[in-house]
Amino acid sequence: MKRFIVFAWLFSGILAGNTTDQGPVNLFPDFEDEESEARIFGGEPAPEHSHPHQVSLQLTPGNYHGCGGSIISADRVVTAAHCFRRVDPTRLRVVAGANNIKVNESSQQIRFIKEVVIHPRCNLPDYDYAVLRLDSPFQLNNMVKAIRLAPVNFIPSGDCEASGWGHLNTTHTVSTQLQQVRLTVVSQAVCNRSYINAFLHNVTPRMICAGERGKGACTGDSGGPLVCDGYLAGIVSWGNQPCAQAGFPTVFSRVATESDWLSSV
């Protein structure tokens, strides 16, 4: 049986927004641990600090990684709204400049969340956008950088790149080092047909699909980046379970359609 999943290790707490009533939503356990579902599929270890916009959202105490995100200015991070479905944001820390999230690297900078701004039209999994306002700005450098938002009407094609921490495959091989994977963009029509035929969910104009059999994002990569031509083009949102199956690419929130809102928050 195919299941539609929102790609988060869902922290415990609250989300200001509604869940969709289209399709069965399978939410994963609250805390990411060694037994959890896989995340980046078919990728490779990322060269150190090759994704300086990437952050890890971690639950305290314990510093458990739960979601990814992308720095868009010194004091703002873009991520997925569903990461905050069940969490008190005051319990989260935002870690930038990390390669190995289990090591206290000198490049890491840690900030906390002052405010979570959920898209006003959020109706999960549609409009799965959130902007985090931080308690103090990051010190931007070669290891901690902002990424440009894809402009309105930007249409990615060919290969893009997703990144995140965690298991490497369905055997639950664990990695604490940042992983990256090249993903081919799939047309809206093809992606929508695949998911509709499986009775899962419509792929709306606020979504973009990328991936293939054995390559994609999954639980715990939520909120992380899809980078195309140097722009933040997508935010990891949802997909099918098991992840990275043939015909079921990862679905990302499309940045271009809401870039004006994201940049104005």
Protein backbone atom coordinates (compact mmCIF):
# COMPACT_ATOMS: atom_id res chain seq x y z
CA MET A 1 0.00 0.00 0.00
CA LYS A 2 1.33 3.41 -0.95
CA ARG A 3 1.34 6.14 1.64
CA PHE A 4 1.75 9.88 1.37
CA ILE A 5 4.13 11.31 3.96
CA VAL A 6 5.06 14.76 5.08
CA PHE A 7 8.85 14.55 5.35
CA ALA A 8 9.57 15.45 8.95
CA TRP A 9 10.58 13.91 12.18
CA LEU A 10 7.84 15.93 13.62
CA PHE A 11 8.92 17.72 16.77
CA SER A 12 6.25 17.71 19.51
CA GLY A 13 4.24 20.91 19.86
CA ILE A 14 2.08 23.03 17.58
CA LEU A 15 1.71 24.43 14.08
CA ALA A 16 -0.28 27.50 13.17
CA GLY A 17 -1.93 26.00 10.10
CA ASN A 18 -4.24 23.30 8.85
CA THR A 19 -3.61 19.80 7.59
CA THR A 20 -5.01 18.79 4.25
CA ASP A 21 -7.92 16.41 4.02
CA GLN A 22 -6.69 15.03 0.70
CA GLY A 23 -5.11 11.63 1.04
CA PRO A 24 -3.84 9.67 4.04
CA VAL A 25 -1.18 11.68 5.87
CA ASN A 26 1.33 9.41 7.61
CA LEU A 27 3.21 11.34 10.29
CA PHE A 28 6.44 9.89 11.60
CA PRO A 29 7.47 9.48 15.27
CA ASP A 30 8.37 12.56 17.25
CA PHE A 31 12.06 12.04 17.91
CA GLU A 32 14.72 11.20 15.33
CA ASP A 33 16.91 8.35 16.52
CA GLU A 34 18.96 5.43 15.28
CA GLU A 35 15.76 3.51 14.49
CA SER A 36 14.12 6.18 12.35
CA GLU A 37 13.25 6.16 8.67
CA ALA A 38 15.79 7.00 5.97
CA ARG A 39 16.45 10.46 4.63
CA ILE A 40 18.81 11.47 1.77
CA PHE A 41 18.77 8.53 -0.65
CA GLY A 42 21.43 7.74 -3.24
CA GLY A 43 23.71 10.60 -2.29
CA GLU A 44 27.28 11.08 -1.15
CA PRO A 45 29.09 12.93 1.64
CA ALA A 46 29.15 16.63 0.88
CA PRO A 47 32.57 18.32 0.75
CA GLU A 48 33.06 20.34 3.91
CA HIS A 49 31.16 23.63 3.88
CA SER A 50 30.00 23.16 0.28
CA HIS A 51 26.45 24.07 1.37
CA PRO A 52 27.05 27.10 3.63
CA HIS A 53 23.35 28.06 3.51
CA GLN A 54 22.28 24.76 5.11
CA VAL A 55 21.17 24.67 8.73
CA SER A 56 20.08 21.92 11.11
CA LEU A 57 17.06 22.49 13.36
CA GLN A 58 17.63 20.62 16.59
CA LEU A 59 15.42 19.86 19.57
CA THR A 60 16.86 20.67 22.99
CA PRO A 61 17.84 19.25 25.35
CA GLY A 62 19.68 16.49 23.53
CA ASN A 63 20.26 18.42 20.30
CA TYR A 64 18.29 15.96 18.15
CA HIS A 65 18.31 16.87 14.46
CA GLY A 66 14.79 17.12 13.06
CA CYS A 67 14.61 19.35 9.99
CA GLY A 68 16.80 21.30 7.64
CA GLY A 69 16.58 24.89 6.50
CA SER A 70 18.32 27.54 4.40
CA ILE A 71 19.77 30.89 5.43
CA ILE A 72 18.34 33.71 3.31
CA SER A 73 19.73 36.60 5.37
CA ALA A 74 21.84 36.97 8.50
CA ASP A 75 18.79 36.74 10.74
CA ARG A 76 16.29 34.70 8.70
CA VAL A 77 15.99 31.03 7.73
CA VAL A 78 13.51 29.44 5.31
CA THR A 79 12.16 25.97 6.11
CA ALA A 80 8.96 23.89 5.89
CA ALA A 81 5.88 24.83 7.87
CA HIS A 82 5.16 21.20 8.75
CA CYS A 83 8.37 21.05 10.80
CA PHE A 84 6.49 23.09 13.42
CA ARG A 85 3.35 21.01 13.48
CA ARG A 86 3.90 19.77 17.01
CA VAL A 87 6.79 21.73 18.43
CA ASP A 88 7.38 24.61 20.80
CA PRO A 89 9.90 26.71 18.80
CA THR A 90 11.56 27.85 22.02
CA ARG A 91 12.91 24.30 22.37
CA LEU A 92 14.74 24.45 19.03
CA ARG A 93 18.19 25.66 18.16
CA VAL A 94 19.39 26.55 14.66
CA VAL A 95 22.87 25.27 13.81
CA ALA A 96 24.74 26.77 10.84
CA GLY A 97 28.22 26.03 9.51
CA ALA A 98 27.96 22.34 10.38
CA ASN A 99 29.38 19.38 8.51
CA ASN A 100 29.16 16.70 11.20
CA ILE A 101 26.24 17.50 13.48
CA LYS A 102 27.52 15.21 16.24
CA VAL A 103 30.79 17.14 16.53
CA ASN A 104 31.26 20.57 18.08
CA GLU A 105 33.02 22.09 15.05
CA SER A 106 34.64 25.51 15.32
CA SER A 107 32.76 26.62 12.20
CA GLN A 108 29.35 26.08 13.80
CA GLN A 109 27.18 28.98 14.89
CA ILE A 110 24.12 28.41 17.07
CA ARG A 111 21.12 30.69 17.25
CA PHE A 112 17.62 30.41 18.65
CA ILE A 113 14.24 31.24 17.18
CA LYS A 114 12.59 34.55 17.99
CA GLU A 115 9.56 33.97 15.79
CA VAL A 116 8.15 31.41 13.36
CA VAL A 117 6.14 32.92 10.51
CA ILE A 118 3.94 30.35 8.75
CA HIS A 119 2.58 31.17 5.31
CA PRO A 120 -0.91 32.63 5.81
CA ARG A 121 -2.40 30.23 3.24
CA CYS A 122 -0.75 27.13 4.67
CA ASN A 123 -2.98 24.08 4.14
CA LEU A 124 -0.59 21.18 4.34
CA PRO A 125 0.98 19.96 2.23
CA ASP A 126 0.17 23.04 0.12
CA TYR A 127 1.89 26.35 0.94
CA ASP A 128 4.40 24.45 3.10
CA TYR A 129 6.54 27.51 3.85
CA ALA A 130 7.92 29.00 7.07
CA VAL A 131 10.37 31.78 7.80
CA LEU A 132 12.32 31.76 11.07
CA ARG A 133 13.36 35.05 12.60
CA LEU A 134 16.42 34.47 14.77
CA ASP A 135 17.26 35.91 18.17
CA SER A 136 20.53 37.32 16.80
CA PRO A 137 22.12 37.41 13.32
CA PHE A 138 24.60 34.85 12.07
CA GLN A 139 28.08 36.13 11.37
CA LEU A 140 28.20 35.48 7.63
CA ASN A 141 31.45 34.08 6.25
CA ASN A 142 32.67 31.41 3.82
CA MET A 143 31.12 28.66 5.95
CA VAL A 144 27.84 30.41 6.82
CA LYS A 145 26.22 32.15 3.86
CA ALA A 146 22.82 33.26 2.66
CA ILE A 147 21.44 31.77 -0.54
CA ARG A 148 19.44 33.67 -3.14
CA LEU A 149 15.75 32.88 -3.47
CA ALA A 150 14.63 31.74 -6.91
CA PRO A 151 12.96 34.75 -8.55
CA VAL A 152 9.32 34.78 -9.62
CA ASN A 153 8.82 32.77 -12.83
CA PHE A 154 12.10 30.89 -12.35
CA ILE A 155 11.66 27.47 -13.98
CA PRO A 156 14.35 24.95 -12.99
CA SER A 157 15.27 22.15 -15.33
CA GLY A 158 17.86 19.40 -15.55
CA ASP A 159 19.79 18.50 -12.43
CA CYS A 160 19.51 20.24 -9.07
CA GLU A 161 20.97 19.34 -5.68
CA ALA A 162 19.38 18.46 -2.35
CA SER A 163 21.24 18.11 0.93
CA GLY A 164 20.59 16.90 4.47
CA TRP A 165 21.75 14.73 7.37
CA GLY A 166 20.87 11.19 8.23
CA HIS A 167 20.38 7.66 6.95
CA LEU A 168 21.74 6.85 3.52
CA ASN A 169 19.39 4.10 2.32
CA THR A 170 16.62 1.70 3.27
CA THR A 171 19.03 -0.38 5.38
CA HIS A 172 19.11 2.58 7.83
CA THR A 173 22.84 3.19 7.47
CA VAL A 174 23.45 6.24 9.64
CA SER A 175 25.46 9.31 8.71
CA THR A 176 26.01 12.34 10.88
CA GLN A 177 27.90 14.03 8.03
CA LEU A 178 26.01 16.25 5.62
CA GLN A 179 24.92 14.35 2.50
CA GLN A 180 24.16 15.68 -0.97
CA VAL A 181 22.39 14.19 -3.98
CA ARG A 182 21.85 15.33 -7.57
CA LEU A 183 18.19 15.16 -8.54
CA THR A 184 16.61 15.54 -11.96
CA VAL A 185 13.60 17.84 -12.14
CA VAL A 186 10.39 16.03 -13.15
CA SER A 187 7.68 17.88 -15.05
CA GLN A 188 4.61 19.01 -13.15
CA ALA A 189 2.31 16.97 -15.37
CA VAL A 190 4.23 13.72 -14.97
CA CYS A 191 4.64 14.16 -11.21
CA ASN A 192 1.00 15.02 -10.68
CA ARG A 193 -0.16 12.04 -12.73
CA SER A 194 1.98 9.67 -10.64
CA TYR A 195 0.64 10.88 -7.31
CA ILE A 196 -2.99 11.27 -8.41
CA ASN A 197 -2.99 7.76 -9.87
CA ALA A 198 -1.79 6.48 -6.47
CA PHE A 199 -4.63 8.40 -4.74
CA LEU A 200 -2.16 10.46 -2.72
CA HIS A 201 -2.31 14.21 -3.35
CA ASN A 202 -2.49 16.84 -6.05
CA VAL A 203 0.83 18.40 -7.05
CA THR A 204 -0.14 22.07 -6.99
CA PRO A 205 1.55 25.06 -8.65
CA ARG A 206 3.29 25.71 -5.29
CA MET A 207 5.21 22.45 -5.69
CA ILE A 208 8.14 21.16 -7.73
CA CYS A 209 9.23 17.54 -8.15
CA ALA A 210 12.72 16.10 -8.49
CA GLY A 211 14.27 12.66 -8.08
CA GLU A 212 14.22 9.14 -9.47
CA ARG A 213 14.38 5.55 -8.29
CA GLY A 214 16.96 5.32 -5.50
CA LYS A 215 17.54 9.09 -5.31
CA GLY A 216 15.58 11.59 -3.27
CA ALA A 217 14.84 13.11 0.11
CA CYS A 218 12.82 11.54 2.91
CA THR A 219 11.92 11.80 6.58
CA GLY A 220 14.11 14.28 8.44
CA ASP A 221 15.20 16.19 5.34
CA SER A 222 12.10 18.37 5.64
CA GLY A 223 12.69 22.07 5.21
CA GLY A 224 16.05 21.49 3.55
CA PRO A 225 17.11 22.99 0.23
CA LEU A 226 16.78 22.07 -3.40
CA VAL A 227 19.33 24.25 -5.18
CA CYS A 228 19.08 24.87 -8.94
CA ASP A 229 21.45 27.16 -10.85
CA GLY A 230 22.65 28.67 -7.57
CA TYR A 231 19.15 29.56 -6.37
CA LEU A 232 17.06 28.11 -3.57
CA ALA A 233 14.40 26.62 -5.83
CA GLY A 234 12.68 24.18 -3.47
CA ILE A 235 12.05 23.25 0.17
CA VAL A 236 11.77 19.54 1.03
CA SER A 237 8.10 18.88 1.73
CA TRP A 238 6.48 15.49 1.05
CA GLY A 239 6.44 12.29 -0.98
CA ASN A 240 5.70 8.60 -1.06
CA GLN A 241 6.74 5.89 1.37
CA PRO A 242 9.03 3.99 1.04
CA CYS A 243 11.00 6.95 -0.26
CA ALA A 244 12.78 7.23 -3.63
CA GLN A 245 10.61 4.72 -5.47
CA ALA A 246 10.46 4.68 -9.25
CA GLY A 247 7.76 7.05 -10.48
CA PHE A 248 7.48 8.94 -7.18
CA PRO A 249 9.94 11.84 -7.03
CA THR A 250 10.40 13.99 -3.95
CA VAL A 251 7.96 16.91 -3.79
CA PHE A 252 9.38 20.28 -2.75
CA SER A 253 7.63 23.56 -2.00
CA ARG A 254 8.35 25.77 -5.01
CA VAL A 255 10.22 28.89 -3.90
CA ALA A 256 9.67 30.99 -7.04
CA THR A 257 5.89 31.19 -6.66
CA GLU A 258 6.22 32.62 -3.13
CA SER A 259 9.58 34.36 -3.30
CA ASP A 260 7.98 37.77 -2.80
CA TRP A 261 6.33 36.60 0.43
CA LEU A 262 9.46 34.80 1.65
CA SER A 263 11.62 37.87 1.09
CA SER A 264 9.13 40.25 2.70
CA VAL A 265 8.71 38.46 6.03
